[in-house]
Structures are given as C-alpha cells and as structure tokens.
C-alpha cells in the first residue's frame, strides 16, 4: 500500500530534547526547595504532556501532587522551559535524511506531539525542520492528547488523507496506542522516551532504527494491497 502521509511524534522521535526538559524540571524543583532528579528519571516521565511531566516530578519524593501544587509548578516550569527550550536539543541521526526521503516519495507530513504549541513551533524552526511539515498538531490543539486518537485523526483531516493511508512514527506506547486506535499504520523507534517500557511489547507494525529507516520501510510497501 502506498502511504499518502507520514505523521511524526516530536520529543524522543525527531529530537532529543531531554537535557532541556531535565534542566527546566530541576530549575522548577529548585524554586520549590525540592531535590534534583536525574536525567533518566525525568526522561521516564516524558510522553504524556508537560502537565503530566511536572506532576510526576513533584510526586517523585512524596508520591502525590495536588492540583494547586501542580499548577503552580507548571507555571514555573513554563517560564524556565521558555528560556531553555532548544538550547541542548539535537536531531537524532537519520532524521534529516528520512524527512527528505519521505518528501521525495511525495508524502504529506505533519507533527503530532503532546508538547504545547508555544514550545513546539519555535523548536522546529530553531532546529531547521519546520519546512517539512504542512501541519503541526500540538498538545493544546485538540481537546484530548495522545494516547487518545483525536490528535492523529485531526492531523489526517488537516492533511486531507484517510487514516488508513497514513503512517505514524513515534517512540512511546502513547504513540502506538493513539495511532492504532485512529486506524493508522505505526512504526516505533527504540531510542526515545518510552517510560521505561520495552518497545517490543507495543502493538505496532514494526520497529525501525531511525526516521531514515522508516522512510525505507514505507517505500518498500508501495505495491502492497490497500486493506479493505
């Protein structure tokens, strides 16, 4: 089956952003006289959106963070991350090559991320990949975030492509569950932020080593029959 669109997660899939996220999280914890968390611990909390990340960081020592605490800490995190976003973030190997290959195949492309818009758009521009994407669906674009299928369905609608003709590429089970529920084919990369889970247990079509490998996987399926 020839795919008409490719939809990509951002953090942990296209960009390694954990150093900036960890720096912002630890600056927030310092503001609140809390202990620092390791990069690995912060990374294990990435995937379900900024509020979830902040809540988990707050609850790391106590096991609980109430709404008022979380909202206060979220405001501090936002201030810090606004200053730090993109400072240390880097493209994963194979991202540029893969995006160029998808474009050469004629696929429409979009980003589907749980990251807020105010961070996502500047980050894509700063890292030089914004030009590849026709649409950007962020964590505050739809009423619900991944793992709900709504963001993927919204992206397909914006691109004018049926979900059955679209391919999702992500790094976490949030991506896998959301894309599968939306009716997309889904590939997972093993190098991102998967909340400590084994990607081999995810319900996906395949595991690929890079975005470039994902483009090759898609190209090899151009002549497969379209599922009924």
Protein backbone atom coordinates (compact mmCIF):
# COMPACT_ATOMS: atom_id res chain seq x y z
CA UNK A 1 0.00 0.00 0.00
CA UNK A 2 1.33 3.41 -0.92
CA UNK A 3 1.13 5.77 2.03
CA UNK A 4 -0.02 9.31 1.37
CA UNK A 5 1.06 10.89 4.66
CA UNK A 6 3.55 10.43 7.48
CA UNK A 7 2.84 11.77 10.99
CA UNK A 8 5.70 12.14 13.46
CA UNK A 9 5.97 12.47 17.21
CA UNK A 10 8.50 15.13 18.26
CA UNK A 11 10.27 14.52 21.59
CA UNK A 12 12.17 11.25 21.50
CA UNK A 13 11.38 10.65 17.83
CA UNK A 14 12.66 13.60 15.80
CA UNK A 15 14.50 15.50 18.52
CA UNK A 16 16.44 14.52 21.63
CA UNK A 17 15.08 17.18 24.00
CA UNK A 18 15.64 15.55 27.37
CA UNK A 19 18.52 17.76 28.53
CA UNK A 20 16.43 20.92 28.16
CA UNK A 21 13.43 19.26 29.80
CA UNK A 22 15.54 17.99 32.70
CA UNK A 23 17.17 21.39 33.18
CA UNK A 24 13.74 23.08 33.28
CA UNK A 25 12.33 20.43 35.61
CA UNK A 26 15.23 20.74 38.04
CA UNK A 27 15.11 24.56 37.97
CA UNK A 28 11.43 24.25 38.89
CA UNK A 29 12.19 21.84 41.73
CA UNK A 30 14.91 24.18 43.00
CA UNK A 31 12.37 27.03 43.07
CA UNK A 32 10.22 24.85 45.30
CA UNK A 33 13.14 23.71 47.50
CA UNK A 34 12.82 20.17 46.16
CA UNK A 35 15.64 17.74 45.41
CA UNK A 36 17.06 17.43 41.91
CA UNK A 37 16.10 14.47 39.74
CA UNK A 38 18.42 12.60 37.44
CA UNK A 39 18.15 12.93 33.68
CA UNK A 40 16.99 9.30 33.50
CA UNK A 41 14.15 9.85 35.97
CA UNK A 42 12.89 12.95 34.17
CA UNK A 43 13.10 11.07 30.88
CA UNK A 44 10.87 8.32 32.28
CA UNK A 45 8.16 10.95 32.88
CA UNK A 46 8.16 12.35 29.32
CA UNK A 47 5.42 11.40 26.87
CA UNK A 48 2.00 12.40 28.16
CA UNK A 49 2.43 16.17 28.07
CA UNK A 50 4.01 18.93 30.13
CA UNK A 51 1.49 18.89 32.98
CA UNK A 52 1.99 15.15 33.46
CA UNK A 53 5.78 15.63 33.46
CA UNK A 54 5.59 18.34 36.12
CA UNK A 55 3.14 16.36 38.24
CA UNK A 56 5.34 13.25 38.18
CA UNK A 57 8.43 15.28 39.09
CA UNK A 58 6.59 16.82 42.04
CA UNK A 59 5.30 13.46 43.18
CA UNK A 60 8.64 11.68 42.88
CA UNK A 61 9.54 12.05 46.57
CA UNK A 62 6.10 12.27 48.16
CA UNK A 63 4.07 10.03 45.86
CA UNK A 64 1.44 12.73 45.44
CA UNK A 65 1.00 16.21 43.91
CA UNK A 66 -2.30 18.03 44.22
CA UNK A 67 -3.81 20.27 41.56
CA UNK A 68 -2.76 23.54 43.20
CA UNK A 69 0.84 22.38 43.59
CA UNK A 70 0.94 21.13 40.02
CA UNK A 71 -0.47 24.34 38.54
CA UNK A 72 2.00 26.48 40.48
CA UNK A 73 4.91 24.29 39.46
CA UNK A 74 3.68 24.18 35.87
CA UNK A 75 3.84 27.99 35.70
CA UNK A 76 7.44 27.92 36.97
CA UNK A 77 8.37 25.11 34.56
CA UNK A 78 6.88 27.04 31.65
CA UNK A 79 9.00 30.08 32.49
CA UNK A 80 12.16 28.01 32.73
CA UNK A 81 11.49 25.92 29.64
CA UNK A 82 10.64 29.00 27.60
CA UNK A 83 14.20 30.16 28.30
CA UNK A 84 15.86 26.75 27.84
CA UNK A 85 13.86 25.13 25.02
CA UNK A 86 16.16 24.20 22.17
CA UNK A 87 19.43 25.09 23.89
CA UNK A 88 20.66 21.50 24.03
CA UNK A 89 18.09 19.72 21.83
CA UNK A 90 19.51 17.86 18.84
CA UNK A 91 18.19 15.97 15.84
CA UNK A 92 18.52 12.21 16.11
CA UNK A 93 20.72 10.54 13.47
CA UNK A 94 18.83 9.87 10.26
CA UNK A 95 16.09 12.46 10.83
CA UNK A 96 17.04 14.87 8.05
CA UNK A 97 17.74 12.04 5.62
CA UNK A 98 14.44 10.39 6.48
CA UNK A 99 12.34 13.53 6.17
CA UNK A 100 13.93 14.29 2.80
CA UNK A 101 13.22 10.73 1.66
CA UNK A 102 9.57 10.93 2.74
CA UNK A 103 9.26 14.22 0.85
CA UNK A 104 10.82 12.67 -2.26
CA UNK A 105 8.23 9.89 -2.04
CA UNK A 106 5.55 12.58 -2.21
CA UNK A 107 4.10 12.04 1.26
CA UNK A 108 2.41 14.86 3.13
CA UNK A 109 3.92 15.29 6.57
CA UNK A 110 2.76 16.55 9.96
CA UNK A 111 3.96 16.57 13.55
CA UNK A 112 1.63 15.16 16.21
CA UNK A 113 3.01 15.94 19.66
CA UNK A 114 1.80 16.39 23.23
CA UNK A 115 4.16 19.36 23.58
CA UNK A 116 2.44 22.77 23.87
CA UNK A 117 2.34 24.97 20.78
CA UNK A 118 4.42 27.76 22.31
CA UNK A 119 7.39 25.41 22.58
CA UNK A 120 6.83 23.23 19.53
CA UNK A 121 6.80 25.81 16.75
CA UNK A 122 9.94 27.71 17.79
CA UNK A 123 11.76 24.43 18.41
CA UNK A 124 11.00 23.09 14.94
CA UNK A 125 12.14 26.36 13.38
CA UNK A 126 15.28 26.56 15.51
CA UNK A 127 16.31 23.04 14.56
CA UNK A 128 15.68 23.64 10.86
CA UNK A 129 12.94 21.09 10.17
CA UNK A 130 9.75 23.18 10.26
CA UNK A 131 9.72 23.41 6.46
CA UNK A 132 9.00 19.68 6.10
CA UNK A 133 5.59 19.79 7.78
CA UNK A 134 2.29 21.01 6.37
CA UNK A 135 0.61 20.94 9.78
CA UNK A 136 1.62 20.80 13.43
CA UNK A 137 -0.80 19.27 15.95
CA UNK A 138 0.30 20.08 19.50
CA UNK A 139 -0.77 19.11 22.99
CA UNK A 140 -3.12 22.09 23.18
CA UNK A 141 -4.54 21.81 19.65
CA UNK A 142 -7.22 19.23 20.42
CA UNK A 143 -9.43 18.62 23.44
CA UNK A 144 -7.51 15.42 24.21
CA UNK A 145 -3.86 14.39 23.92
CA UNK A 146 -2.23 11.12 22.92
CA UNK A 147 -2.81 8.28 23.83
CA UNK A 148 -6.27 9.39 22.70
CA UNK A 149 -6.57 9.02 18.89
CA UNK A 150 -8.01 12.54 18.46
CA UNK A 151 -4.72 14.29 17.56
CA UNK A 152 -3.90 11.76 14.84
CA UNK A 153 -7.41 11.94 13.41
CA UNK A 154 -7.23 15.74 13.43
CA UNK A 155 -3.89 15.69 11.61
CA UNK A 156 -5.24 13.34 8.94
CA UNK A 157 -8.23 15.62 8.47
CA UNK A 158 -5.98 18.66 8.06
CA UNK A 159 -3.86 16.81 5.51
CA UNK A 160 -6.91 15.52 3.65
CA UNK A 161 -5.74 11.91 3.96
CA UNK A 162 -7.71 8.91 5.22
CA UNK A 163 -6.14 7.39 8.36
CA UNK A 164 -5.77 4.05 6.57
CA UNK A 165 -3.38 5.74 4.11
CA UNK A 166 -1.26 7.40 6.80
CA UNK A 167 1.79 6.19 8.70
CA UNK A 168 2.62 7.26 12.26
CA UNK A 169 6.17 7.21 13.60
CA UNK A 170 6.78 7.56 17.33
CA UNK A 171 8.80 6.36 20.28
CA UNK A 172 6.31 5.54 23.04
CA UNK A 173 3.28 3.41 23.77
CA UNK A 174 1.24 6.64 23.80
CA UNK A 175 2.04 6.97 20.10
CA UNK A 176 1.36 3.32 19.39
CA UNK A 177 -2.00 3.22 21.19
CA UNK A 178 -3.20 6.52 19.73
CA UNK A 179 -2.16 5.75 16.17
CA UNK A 180 -3.61 2.23 16.25
CA UNK A 181 -6.92 3.50 17.63
CA UNK A 182 -7.03 6.12 14.87
CA UNK A 183 -6.56 3.44 12.21
CA UNK A 184 -3.02 4.35 11.14
CA UNK A 185 -0.09 2.07 10.47
CA UNK A 186 2.51 2.70 13.17
CA UNK A 187 6.27 2.39 13.46
CA UNK A 188 8.27 2.78 16.66
CA UNK A 189 11.88 3.86 17.10
CA UNK A 190 13.71 2.23 20.05
CA UNK A 191 15.86 5.17 21.11
CA UNK A 192 13.34 7.65 22.54
CA UNK A 193 11.30 8.21 25.68
CA UNK A 194 9.23 5.10 26.31
CA UNK A 195 8.56 5.48 30.07
CA UNK A 196 10.82 2.51 30.78
CA UNK A 197 8.69 0.11 28.75
CA UNK A 198 10.03 -2.43 26.27
CA UNK A 199 9.08 -1.23 22.77
CA UNK A 200 8.95 -4.87 21.66
CA UNK A 201 5.73 -5.21 23.66
CA UNK A 202 3.97 -2.40 21.78
CA UNK A 203 1.24 -3.18 19.23
CA UNK A 204 2.95 -1.76 16.13
CA UNK A 205 3.62 -2.70 12.54
CA UNK A 206 7.38 -2.65 13.01
CA UNK A 207 10.31 -1.27 14.97
CA UNK A 208 12.72 0.83 12.90
CA UNK A 209 16.13 2.14 13.89
CA UNK A 210 15.70 5.70 12.56
CA UNK A 211 13.45 8.05 10.59
CA UNK A 212 15.55 7.19 7.55
CA UNK A 213 14.76 3.51 8.14
CA UNK A 214 11.07 4.43 8.48
CA UNK A 215 11.16 6.06 5.03
CA UNK A 216 12.70 2.91 3.58
CA UNK A 217 10.05 0.77 5.28
CA UNK A 218 7.31 2.91 3.73
CA UNK A 219 8.92 2.83 0.28
CA UNK A 220 9.08 -0.96 0.34
CA UNK A 221 5.30 -1.14 0.82
CA UNK A 222 4.25 0.96 -2.14
CA UNK A 223 2.96 -2.05 -4.01
CA UNK A 224 1.21 -3.76 -1.09
CA UNK A 225 -2.58 -4.05 -1.49
CA UNK A 226 -4.75 -1.44 0.26
CA UNK A 227 -6.63 -3.08 3.15
CA UNK A 228 -10.39 -3.25 2.72
